[in-house]
PDB file of all heavy atoms in Angstrom:
ATOM      1  N   LEU A   1       0.863  -1.179  -0.011  1.00  0.00           N
ATOM      2  CA  LEU A   1       0.079   0.037   0.026  1.00  0.00           C
ATOM      3  C   LEU A   1       0.886   1.186   0.004  1.00  0.00           C
ATOM      4  O   LEU A   1       1.476   1.588   1.038  1.00  0.00           O
ATOM      5  CB  LEU A   1      -0.927   0.025   1.238  1.00  0.00           C
ATOM      6  CG  LEU A   1      -1.975  -1.114   1.247  1.00  0.00           C
ATOM      7  CD1 LEU A   1      -2.765  -1.015   2.608  1.00  0.00           C
ATOM      8  CD2 LEU A   1      -2.979  -0.953   0.126  1.00  0.00           C
ATOM      9  N   GLY A   2       1.038   1.842  -1.149  1.00  0.00           N
ATOM     10  CA  GLY A   2       1.870   3.016  -1.304  1.00  0.00           C
ATOM     11  C   GLY A   2       1.030   4.262  -0.991  1.00  0.00           C
ATOM     12  O   GLY A   2       0.026   4.278  -0.383  1.00  0.00           O
ATOM     13  N   GLU A   3       1.478   5.382  -1.564  1.00  0.00           N
ATOM     14  CA  GLU A   3       0.666   6.565  -1.501  1.00  0.00           C
ATOM     15  C   GLU A   3      -0.442   6.574  -2.431  1.00  0.00           C
ATOM     16  O   GLU A   3      -0.410   6.012  -3.520  1.00  0.00           O
ATOM     17  CB  GLU A   3       1.591   7.810  -1.801  1.00  0.00           C
ATOM     18  CG  GLU A   3       2.705   8.038  -0.805  1.00  0.00           C
ATOM     19  CD  GLU A   3       3.510   9.289  -1.084  1.00  0.00           C
ATOM     20  OE1 GLU A   3       3.197   9.992  -2.115  1.00  0.00           O
ATOM     21  OE2 GLU A   3       4.433   9.650  -0.290  1.00  0.00           O
ATOM     22  N   GLY A   4      -1.623   7.213  -2.038  1.00  0.00           N
ATOM     23  CA  GLY A   4      -2.733   7.224  -2.944  1.00  0.00           C
ATOM     24  C   GLY A   4      -3.951   6.462  -2.392  1.00  0.00           C
ATOM     25  O   GLY A   4      -4.003   6.036  -1.230  1.00  0.00           O
ATOM     26  N   ASN A   5      -4.925   6.199  -3.280  1.00  0.00           N
ATOM     27  CA  ASN A   5      -6.198   5.571  -2.850  1.00  0.00           C
ATOM     28  C   ASN A   5      -6.281   4.222  -3.518  1.00  0.00           C
ATOM     29  O   ASN A   5      -5.955   3.999  -4.685  1.00  0.00           O
ATOM     30  CB  ASN A   5      -7.337   6.388  -3.343  1.00  0.00           C
ATOM     31  CG  ASN A   5      -7.324   7.849  -2.782  1.00  0.00           C
ATOM     32  OD1 ASN A   5      -7.080   8.054  -1.603  1.00  0.00           O
ATOM     33  ND2 ASN A   5      -7.537   8.813  -3.639  1.00  0.00           N
ATOM     34  N   TYR A   6      -6.775   3.218  -2.738  1.00  0.00           N
ATOM     35  CA  TYR A   6      -6.767   1.813  -3.219  1.00  0.00           C
ATOM     36  C   TYR A   6      -8.086   1.134  -2.815  1.00  0.00           C
ATOM     37  O   TYR A   6      -8.664   1.400  -1.783  1.00  0.00           O
ATOM     38  CB  TYR A   6      -5.582   1.029  -2.603  1.00  0.00           C
ATOM     39  CG  TYR A   6      -4.254   1.565  -3.007  1.00  0.00           C
ATOM     40  CD1 TYR A   6      -3.535   2.391  -2.129  1.00  0.00           C
ATOM     41  CD2 TYR A   6      -3.619   1.154  -4.122  1.00  0.00           C
ATOM     42  CE1 TYR A   6      -2.323   2.875  -2.467  1.00  0.00           C
ATOM     43  CE2 TYR A   6      -2.360   1.588  -4.469  1.00  0.00           C
ATOM     44  CZ  TYR A   6      -1.696   2.489  -3.621  1.00  0.00           C
ATOM     45  OH  TYR A   6      -0.467   2.987  -3.958  1.00  0.00           O
ATOM     46  N   ILE A   7      -8.463   0.209  -3.754  1.00  0.00           N
ATOM     47  CA  ILE A   7      -9.503  -0.765  -3.435  1.00  0.00           C
ATOM     48  C   ILE A   7      -8.753  -2.115  -3.381  1.00  0.00           C
ATOM     49  O   ILE A   7      -8.081  -2.472  -4.367  1.00  0.00           O
ATOM     50  CB  ILE A   7     -10.643  -0.786  -4.538  1.00  0.00           C
ATOM     51  CG1 ILE A   7     -11.323   0.539  -4.583  1.00  0.00           C
ATOM     52  CG2 ILE A   7     -11.639  -1.905  -4.226  1.00  0.00           C
ATOM     53  CD1 ILE A   7     -12.264   0.663  -5.711  1.00  0.00           C
ATOM     54  N   VAL A   8      -8.864  -2.783  -2.282  1.00  0.00           N
ATOM     55  CA  VAL A   8      -8.125  -4.006  -2.068  1.00  0.00           C
ATOM     56  C   VAL A   8      -9.024  -5.218  -1.973  1.00  0.00           C
ATOM     57  O   VAL A   8      -9.928  -5.280  -1.115  1.00  0.00           O
ATOM     58  CB  VAL A   8      -7.293  -3.895  -0.737  1.00  0.00           C
ATOM     59  CG1 VAL A   8      -6.465  -5.159  -0.524  1.00  0.00           C
ATOM     60  CG2 VAL A   8      -6.422  -2.594  -0.794  1.00  0.00           C
ATOM     61  N   LEU A   9      -8.836  -6.162  -2.870  1.00  0.00           N
ATOM     62  CA  LEU A   9      -9.576  -7.417  -2.816  1.00  0.00           C
ATOM     63  C   LEU A   9      -8.705  -8.468  -2.257  1.00  0.00           C
ATOM     64  O   LEU A   9      -7.609  -8.767  -2.742  1.00  0.00           O
ATOM     65  CB  LEU A   9      -9.987  -7.841  -4.291  1.00  0.00           C
ATOM     66  CG  LEU A   9     -11.311  -7.171  -4.812  1.00  0.00           C
ATOM     67  CD1 LEU A   9     -11.081  -5.688  -5.079  1.00  0.00           C
ATOM     68  CD2 LEU A   9     -11.741  -7.842  -6.125  1.00  0.00           C
ATOM     69  N   ALA A  10      -9.157  -9.102  -1.148  1.00  0.00           N
ATOM     70  CA  ALA A  10      -8.336 -10.064  -0.470  1.00  0.00           C
ATOM     71  C   ALA A  10      -9.202 -11.062   0.305  1.00  0.00           C
ATOM     72  O   ALA A  10     -10.418 -10.853   0.415  1.00  0.00           O
ATOM     73  CB  ALA A  10      -7.310  -9.346   0.456  1.00  0.00           C
ATOM     74  N   ASP A  11      -8.545 -12.000   0.951  1.00  0.00           N
ATOM     75  CA  ASP A  11      -9.244 -12.964   1.813  1.00  0.00           C
ATOM     76  C   ASP A  11      -9.568 -12.263   3.102  1.00  0.00           C
ATOM     77  O   ASP A  11      -8.956 -11.279   3.479  1.00  0.00           O
ATOM     78  CB  ASP A  11      -8.378 -14.174   2.080  1.00  0.00           C
ATOM     79  CG  ASP A  11      -9.129 -15.262   2.821  1.00  0.00           C
ATOM     80  OD1 ASP A  11      -9.985 -15.974   2.247  1.00  0.00           O
ATOM     81  OD2 ASP A  11      -8.876 -15.434   4.045  1.00  0.00           O
ATOM     82  N   LEU A  12     -10.561 -12.834   3.800  1.00  0.00           N
ATOM     83  CA  LEU A  12     -10.997 -12.220   5.081  1.00  0.00           C
ATOM     84  C   LEU A  12      -9.854 -12.171   6.149  1.00  0.00           C
ATOM     85  O   LEU A  12      -9.937 -11.292   7.006  1.00  0.00           O
ATOM     86  CB  LEU A  12     -12.119 -13.142   5.666  1.00  0.00           C
ATOM     87  CG  LEU A  12     -13.468 -13.053   4.904  1.00  0.00           C
ATOM     88  CD1 LEU A  12     -14.335 -14.212   5.233  1.00  0.00           C
ATOM     89  CD2 LEU A  12     -14.164 -11.771   5.241  1.00  0.00           C
ATOM     90  N   ALA A  13      -8.845 -13.035   6.056  1.00  0.00           N
ATOM     91  CA  ALA A  13      -7.850 -13.050   7.087  1.00  0.00           C
ATOM     92  C   ALA A  13      -6.540 -12.426   6.637  1.00  0.00           C
ATOM     93  O   ALA A  13      -5.562 -12.551   7.343  1.00  0.00           O
ATOM     94  CB  ALA A  13      -7.630 -14.479   7.575  1.00  0.00           C
ATOM     95  N   GLU A  14      -6.485 -11.809   5.516  1.00  0.00           N
ATOM     96  CA  GLU A  14      -5.166 -11.331   4.981  1.00  0.00           C
ATOM     97  C   GLU A  14      -4.711 -10.009   5.510  1.00  0.00           C
ATOM     98  O   GLU A  14      -3.521  -9.675   5.392  1.00  0.00           O
ATOM     99  CB  GLU A  14      -5.229 -11.342   3.461  1.00  0.00           C
ATOM    100  CG  GLU A  14      -5.207 -12.667   2.859  1.00  0.00           C
ATOM    101  CD  GLU A  14      -5.006 -12.631   1.296  1.00  0.00           C
ATOM    102  OE1 GLU A  14      -6.013 -12.626   0.580  1.00  0.00           O
ATOM    103  OE2 GLU A  14      -3.839 -12.640   0.804  1.00  0.00           O
ATOM    104  N   PHE A  15      -5.604  -9.168   6.039  1.00  0.00           N
ATOM    105  CA  PHE A  15      -5.230  -7.815   6.472  1.00  0.00           C
ATOM    106  C   PHE A  15      -5.758  -7.617   7.863  1.00  0.00           C
ATOM    107  O   PHE A  15      -6.812  -8.048   8.296  1.00  0.00           O
ATOM    108  CB  PHE A  15      -5.819  -6.780   5.512  1.00  0.00           C
ATOM    109  CG  PHE A  15      -5.100  -6.641   4.270  1.00  0.00           C
ATOM    110  CD1 PHE A  15      -5.459  -7.451   3.144  1.00  0.00           C
ATOM    111  CD2 PHE A  15      -4.056  -5.742   4.102  1.00  0.00           C
ATOM    112  CE1 PHE A  15      -4.785  -7.288   1.986  1.00  0.00           C
ATOM    113  CE2 PHE A  15      -3.347  -5.562   2.892  1.00  0.00           C
ATOM    114  CZ  PHE A  15      -3.735  -6.388   1.842  1.00  0.00           C
ATOM    115  N   ASP A  16      -4.957  -6.856   8.656  1.00  0.00           N
ATOM    116  CA  ASP A  16      -5.396  -6.399   9.969  1.00  0.00           C
ATOM    117  C   ASP A  16      -6.010  -5.012   9.751  1.00  0.00           C
ATOM    118  O   ASP A  16      -5.357  -3.954   9.613  1.00  0.00           O
ATOM    119  CB  ASP A  16      -4.138  -6.264  10.899  1.00  0.00           C
ATOM    120  CG  ASP A  16      -4.493  -5.746  12.282  1.00  0.00           C
ATOM    121  OD1 ASP A  16      -5.736  -5.542  12.533  1.00  0.00           O
ATOM    122  OD2 ASP A  16      -3.590  -5.559  13.079  1.00  0.00           O
ATOM    123  N   LEU A  17      -7.339  -5.000   9.692  1.00  0.00           N
ATOM    124  CA  LEU A  17      -8.072  -3.748   9.394  1.00  0.00           C
ATOM    125  C   LEU A  17      -7.857  -2.705  10.483  1.00  0.00           C
ATOM    126  O   LEU A  17      -7.992  -1.480  10.130  1.00  0.00           O
ATOM    127  CB  LEU A  17      -9.536  -4.038   9.225  1.00  0.00           C
ATOM    128  CG  LEU A  17     -10.016  -4.900   8.033  1.00  0.00           C
ATOM    129  CD1 LEU A  17     -11.502  -4.886   7.913  1.00  0.00           C
ATOM    130  CD2 LEU A  17      -9.359  -4.422   6.798  1.00  0.00           C
ATOM    131  N   SER A  18      -7.605  -3.102  11.681  1.00  0.00           N
ATOM    132  CA  SER A  18      -7.481  -2.134  12.779  1.00  0.00           C
ATOM    133  C   SER A  18      -6.346  -1.127  12.494  1.00  0.00           C
ATOM    134  O   SER A  18      -6.314  -0.025  13.033  1.00  0.00           O
ATOM    135  CB  SER A  18      -7.268  -2.823  14.111  1.00  0.00           C
ATOM    136  OG  SER A  18      -6.023  -3.508  14.116  1.00  0.00           O
ATOM    137  N   LYS A  19      -5.336  -1.531  11.621  1.00  0.00           N
ATOM    138  CA  LYS A  19      -4.262  -0.635  11.301  1.00  0.00           C
ATOM    139  C   LYS A  19      -4.723   0.583  10.451  1.00  0.00           C
ATOM    140  O   LYS A  19      -4.158   1.608  10.431  1.00  0.00           O
ATOM    141  CB  LYS A  19      -3.166  -1.358  10.544  1.00  0.00           C
ATOM    142  CG  LYS A  19      -2.416  -2.372  11.365  1.00  0.00           C
ATOM    143  CD  LYS A  19      -1.350  -3.060  10.548  1.00  0.00           C
ATOM    144  CE  LYS A  19      -0.531  -4.088  11.390  1.00  0.00           C
ATOM    145  NZ  LYS A  19       0.537  -4.728  10.526  1.00  0.00           N
ATOM    146  N   TYR A  20      -5.851   0.354   9.704  1.00  0.00           N
ATOM    147  CA  TYR A  20      -6.333   1.304   8.802  1.00  0.00           C
ATOM    148  C   TYR A  20      -7.681   1.947   9.214  1.00  0.00           C
ATOM    149  O   TYR A  20      -8.109   2.938   8.688  1.00  0.00           O
ATOM    150  CB  TYR A  20      -6.476   0.663   7.388  1.00  0.00           C
ATOM    151  CG  TYR A  20      -5.252  -0.028   6.978  1.00  0.00           C
ATOM    152  CD1 TYR A  20      -5.162  -1.426   7.037  1.00  0.00           C
ATOM    153  CD2 TYR A  20      -4.082   0.635   6.563  1.00  0.00           C
ATOM    154  CE1 TYR A  20      -4.021  -2.083   6.643  1.00  0.00           C
ATOM    155  CE2 TYR A  20      -2.917  -0.035   6.229  1.00  0.00           C
ATOM    156  CZ  TYR A  20      -2.919  -1.415   6.266  1.00  0.00           C
ATOM    157  OH  TYR A  20      -1.767  -2.107   5.965  1.00  0.00           O
ATOM    158  N   ASN A  21      -8.286   1.319  10.204  1.00  0.00           N
ATOM    159  CA  ASN A  21      -9.589   1.787  10.718  1.00  0.00           C
ATOM    160  C   ASN A  21      -9.734   1.290  12.169  1.00  0.00           C
ATOM    161  O   ASN A  21     -10.128   0.169  12.376  1.00  0.00           O
ATOM    162  CB  ASN A  21     -10.747   1.353   9.852  1.00  0.00           C
ATOM    163  CG  ASN A  21     -12.043   2.070  10.260  1.00  0.00           C
ATOM    164  OD1 ASN A  21     -12.234   2.482  11.399  1.00  0.00           O
ATOM    165  ND2 ASN A  21     -13.000   2.068   9.283  1.00  0.00           N
ATOM    166  N   PRO A  22      -9.398   2.146  13.125  1.00  0.00           N
ATOM    167  CA  PRO A  22      -9.461   1.669  14.506  1.00  0.00           C
ATOM    168  C   PRO A  22     -10.819   1.395  15.054  1.00  0.00           C
ATOM    169  O   PRO A  22     -10.987   0.865  16.169  1.00  0.00           O
ATOM    170  CB  PRO A  22      -8.800   2.882  15.306  1.00  0.00           C
ATOM    171  CG  PRO A  22      -9.054   4.076  14.429  1.00  0.00           C
ATOM    172  CD  PRO A  22      -8.986   3.557  13.014  1.00  0.00           C
ATOM    173  N   TYR A  23     -11.882   1.711  14.309  1.00  0.00           N
ATOM    174  CA  TYR A  23     -13.237   1.451  14.726  1.00  0.00           C
ATOM    175  C   TYR A  23     -13.736   0.062  14.301  1.00  0.00           C
ATOM    176  O   TYR A  23     -14.898  -0.275  14.528  1.00  0.00           O
ATOM    177  CB  TYR A  23     -14.200   2.556  14.205  1.00  0.00           C
ATOM    178  CG  TYR A  23     -13.815   3.946  14.761  1.00  0.00           C
ATOM    179  CD1 TYR A  23     -12.926   4.747  14.093  1.00  0.00           C
ATOM    180  CD2 TYR A  23     -14.411   4.331  15.950  1.00  0.00           C
ATOM    181  CE1 TYR A  23     -12.591   5.953  14.600  1.00  0.00           C
ATOM    182  CE2 TYR A  23     -14.034   5.605  16.479  1.00  0.00           C
ATOM    183  CZ  TYR A  23     -13.136   6.456  15.800  1.00  0.00           C
ATOM    184  OH  TYR A  23     -12.804   7.609  16.332  1.00  0.00           O
ATOM    185  N   ILE A  24     -12.862  -0.652  13.648  1.00  0.00           N
ATOM    186  CA  ILE A  24     -13.280  -1.979  13.198  1.00  0.00           C
ATOM    187  C   ILE A  24     -12.412  -3.096  13.893  1.00  0.00           C
ATOM    188  O   ILE A  24     -11.174  -2.933  13.955  1.00  0.00           O
ATOM    189  CB  ILE A  24     -13.101  -2.159  11.680  1.00  0.00           C
ATOM    190  CG1 ILE A  24     -14.106  -1.249  10.962  1.00  0.00           C
ATOM    191  CG2 ILE A  24     -13.282  -3.545  11.192  1.00  0.00           C
ATOM    192  CD1 ILE A  24     -13.959  -1.231   9.466  1.00  0.00           C
ATOM    193  N   GLU A  25     -13.122  -4.029  14.388  1.00  0.00           N
ATOM    194  CA  GLU A  25     -12.381  -5.193  15.030  1.00  0.00           C
ATOM    195  C   GLU A  25     -12.822  -6.427  14.230  1.00  0.00           C
ATOM    196  O   GLU A  25     -14.002  -6.900  14.358  1.00  0.00           O
ATOM    197  CB  GLU A  25     -12.733  -5.313  16.490  1.00  0.00           C
ATOM    198  CG  GLU A  25     -12.030  -6.442  17.152  1.00  0.00           C
ATOM    199  CD  GLU A  25     -12.453  -6.529  18.670  1.00  0.00           C
ATOM    200  OE1 GLU A  25     -13.704  -6.690  18.931  1.00  0.00           O
ATOM    201  OE2 GLU A  25     -11.582  -6.457  19.545  1.00  0.00           O
ATOM    202  N   LEU A  26     -11.902  -7.031  13.432  1.00  0.00           N
ATOM    203  CA  LEU A  26     -12.206  -8.174  12.652  1.00  0.00           C
ATOM    204  C   LEU A  26     -11.411  -9.358  13.052  1.00  0.00           C
ATOM    205  O   LEU A  26     -10.130  -9.306  13.163  1.00  0.00           O
ATOM    206  CB  LEU A  26     -11.881  -7.881  11.139  1.00  0.00           C
ATOM    207  CG  LEU A  26     -12.154  -8.993  10.168  1.00  0.00           C
ATOM    208  CD1 LEU A  26     -13.640  -9.276  10.037  1.00  0.00           C
ATOM    209  CD2 LEU A  26     -11.599  -8.638   8.800  1.00  0.00           C
ATOM    210  N   LYS A  27     -12.120 -10.440  13.390  1.00  0.00           N
ATOM    211  CA  LYS A  27     -11.482 -11.720  13.782  1.00  0.00           C
ATOM    212  C   LYS A  27     -12.001 -12.833  12.907  1.00  0.00           C
ATOM    213  O   LYS A  27     -13.198 -12.833  12.570  1.00  0.00           O
ATOM    214  CB  LYS A  27     -11.643 -11.996  15.210  1.00  0.00           C
ATOM    215  CG  LYS A  27     -11.031 -11.000  16.165  1.00  0.00           C
ATOM    216  CD  LYS A  27     -11.278 -11.312  17.625  1.00  0.00           C
ATOM    217  CE  LYS A  27     -10.626 -10.301  18.580  1.00  0.00           C
ATOM    218  NZ  LYS A  27     -10.848 -10.650  19.997  1.00  0.00           N
ATOM    219  N   VAL A  28     -11.127 -13.751  12.559  1.00  0.00           N
ATOM    220  CA  VAL A  28     -11.522 -14.877  11.670  1.00  0.00           C
ATOM    221  C   VAL A  28     -11.031 -16.169  12.274  1.00  0.00           C
ATOM    222  O   VAL A  28      -9.910 -16.245  12.685  1.00  0.00           O
ATOM    223  CB  VAL A  28     -10.956 -14.695  10.272  1.00  0.00           C
ATOM    224  CG1 VAL A  28     -11.435 -15.778   9.300  1.00  0.00           C
ATOM    225  CG2 VAL A  28     -11.311 -13.305   9.709  1.00  0.00           C
ATOM    226  N   ASP A  29     -11.872 -17.212  12.280  1.00  0.00           N
ATOM    227  CA  ASP A  29     -11.422 -18.538  12.624  1.00  0.00           C
ATOM    228  C   ASP A  29     -11.879 -19.473  11.419  1.00  0.00           C
ATOM    229  O   ASP A  29     -12.315 -19.038  10.407  1.00  0.00           O
ATOM    230  CB  ASP A  29     -11.929 -19.005  13.941  1.00  0.00           C
ATOM    231  CG  ASP A  29     -13.463 -19.049  14.032  1.00  0.00           C
ATOM    232  OD1 ASP A  29     -14.146 -19.261  13.008  1.00  0.00           O
ATOM    233  OD2 ASP A  29     -14.039 -18.948  15.216  1.00  0.00           O
ATOM    234  N   GLU A  30     -11.758 -20.741  11.629  1.00  0.00           N
ATOM    235  CA  GLU A  30     -12.012 -21.678  10.521  1.00  0.00           C
ATOM    236  C   GLU A  30     -13.428 -21.636  10.061  1.00  0.00           C
ATOM    237  O   GLU A  30     -13.727 -21.872   8.889  1.00  0.00           O
ATOM    238  CB  GLU A  30     -11.665 -23.123  10.969  1.00  0.00           C
ATOM    239  CG  GLU A  30     -10.139 -23.330  11.195  1.00  0.00           C
ATOM    240  CD  GLU A  30      -9.828 -24.777  11.442  1.00  0.00           C
ATOM    241  OE1 GLU A  30     -10.767 -25.585  11.548  1.00  0.00           O
ATOM    242  OE2 GLU A  30      -8.620 -25.065  11.655  1.00  0.00           O
ATOM    243  N   GLU A  31     -14.379 -21.351  10.925  1.00  0.00           N
ATOM    244  CA  GLU A  31     -15.782 -21.405  10.563  1.00  0.00           C
ATOM    245  C   GLU A  31     -16.506 -19.995  10.494  1.00  0.00           C
ATOM    246  O   GLU A  31     -17.388 -19.849   9.717  1.00  0.00           O
ATOM    247  CB  GLU A  31     -16.629 -22.282  11.521  1.00  0.00           C
ATOM    248  CG  GLU A  31     -16.174 -23.696  11.496  1.00  0.00           C
ATOM    249  CD  GLU A  31     -17.098 -24.609  12.382  1.00  0.00           C
ATOM    250  OE1 GLU A  31     -18.023 -24.034  13.049  1.00  0.00           O
ATOM    251  OE2 GLU A  31     -16.876 -25.833  12.359  1.00  0.00           O
ATOM    252  N   ASN A  32     -16.022 -19.075  11.308  1.00  0.00           N
ATOM    253  CA  ASN A  32     -16.718 -17.779  11.455  1.00  0.00           C
ATOM    254  C   ASN A  32     -15.868 -16.626  11.242  1.00  0.00           C
ATOM    255  O   ASN A  32     -14.618 -16.692  11.413  1.00  0.00           O
ATOM    256  CB  ASN A  32     -17.418 -17.706  12.798  1.00  0.00           C
ATOM    257  CG  ASN A  32     -18.452 -18.796  13.066  1.00  0.00           C
ATOM    258  OD1 ASN A  32     -19.320 -19.002  12.321  1.00  0.00           O
ATOM    259  ND2 ASN A  32     -18.348 -19.539  14.224  1.00  0.00           N
ATOM    260  N   VAL A  33     -16.499 -15.518  10.899  1.00  0.00           N
ATOM    261  CA  VAL A  33     -15.813 -14.210  10.894  1.00  0.00           C
ATOM    262  C   VAL A  33     -16.563 -13.326  11.897  1.00  0.00           C
ATOM    263  O   VAL A  33     -17.797 -13.329  11.946  1.00  0.00           O
ATOM    264  CB  VAL A  33     -15.801 -13.599   9.474  1.00  0.00           C
ATOM    265  CG1 VAL A  33     -17.194 -13.537   8.871  1.00  0.00           C
ATOM    266  CG2 VAL A  33     -15.157 -12.231   9.456  1.00  0.00           C
ATOM    267  N   TYR A  34     -15.845 -12.553  12.691  1.00  0.00           N
ATOM    268  CA  TYR A  34     -16.426 -11.749  13.727  1.00  0.00           C
ATOM    269  C   TYR A  34     -16.104 -10.272  13.395  1.00  0.00           C
ATOM    270  O   TYR A  34     -14.918  -9.935  13.300  1.00  0.00           O
ATOM    271  CB  TYR A  34     -15.918 -12.064  15.094  1.00  0.00           C
ATOM    272  CG  TYR A  34     -16.038 -13.565  15.413  1.00  0.00           C
ATOM    273  CD1 TYR A  34     -15.076 -14.514  15.035  1.00  0.00           C
ATOM    274  CD2 TYR A  34     -17.120 -14.001  16.133  1.00  0.00           C
ATOM    275  CE1 TYR A  34     -15.256 -15.817  15.338  1.00  0.00           C
ATOM    276  CE2 TYR A  34     -17.267 -15.414  16.472  1.00  0.00           C
ATOM    277  CZ  TYR A  34     -16.328 -16.267  16.075  1.00  0.00           C
ATOM    278  OH  TYR A  34     -16.480 -17.633  16.320  1.00  0.00           O
ATOM    279  N   LEU A  35     -17.080  -9.436  13.161  1.00  0.00           N
ATOM    280  CA  LEU A  35     -16.942  -8.005  12.991  1.00  0.00           C
ATOM    281  C   LEU A  35     -17.588  -7.267  14.102  1.00  0.00           C
ATOM    282  O   LEU A  35     -18.740  -7.367  14.390  1.00  0.00           O
ATOM    283  CB  LEU A  35     -17.599  -7.615  11.651  1.00  0.00           C
ATOM    284  CG  LEU A  35     -17.383  -6.197  11.296  1.00  0.00           C
ATOM    285  CD1 LEU A  35     -15.879  -5.901  10.979  1.00  0.00           C
ATOM    286  CD2 LEU A  35     -18.260  -5.750  10.124  1.00  0.00           C
TER     287      LEU A  35
END
């Protein structure tokens, strides 16, 4: 992620969203995703 604006398509577990949005807590296990 360089400078500028991006749309990122990825798996549910590939990014730590809290680094880019502190109001989001995303956790993923084998069966569920927790937002």
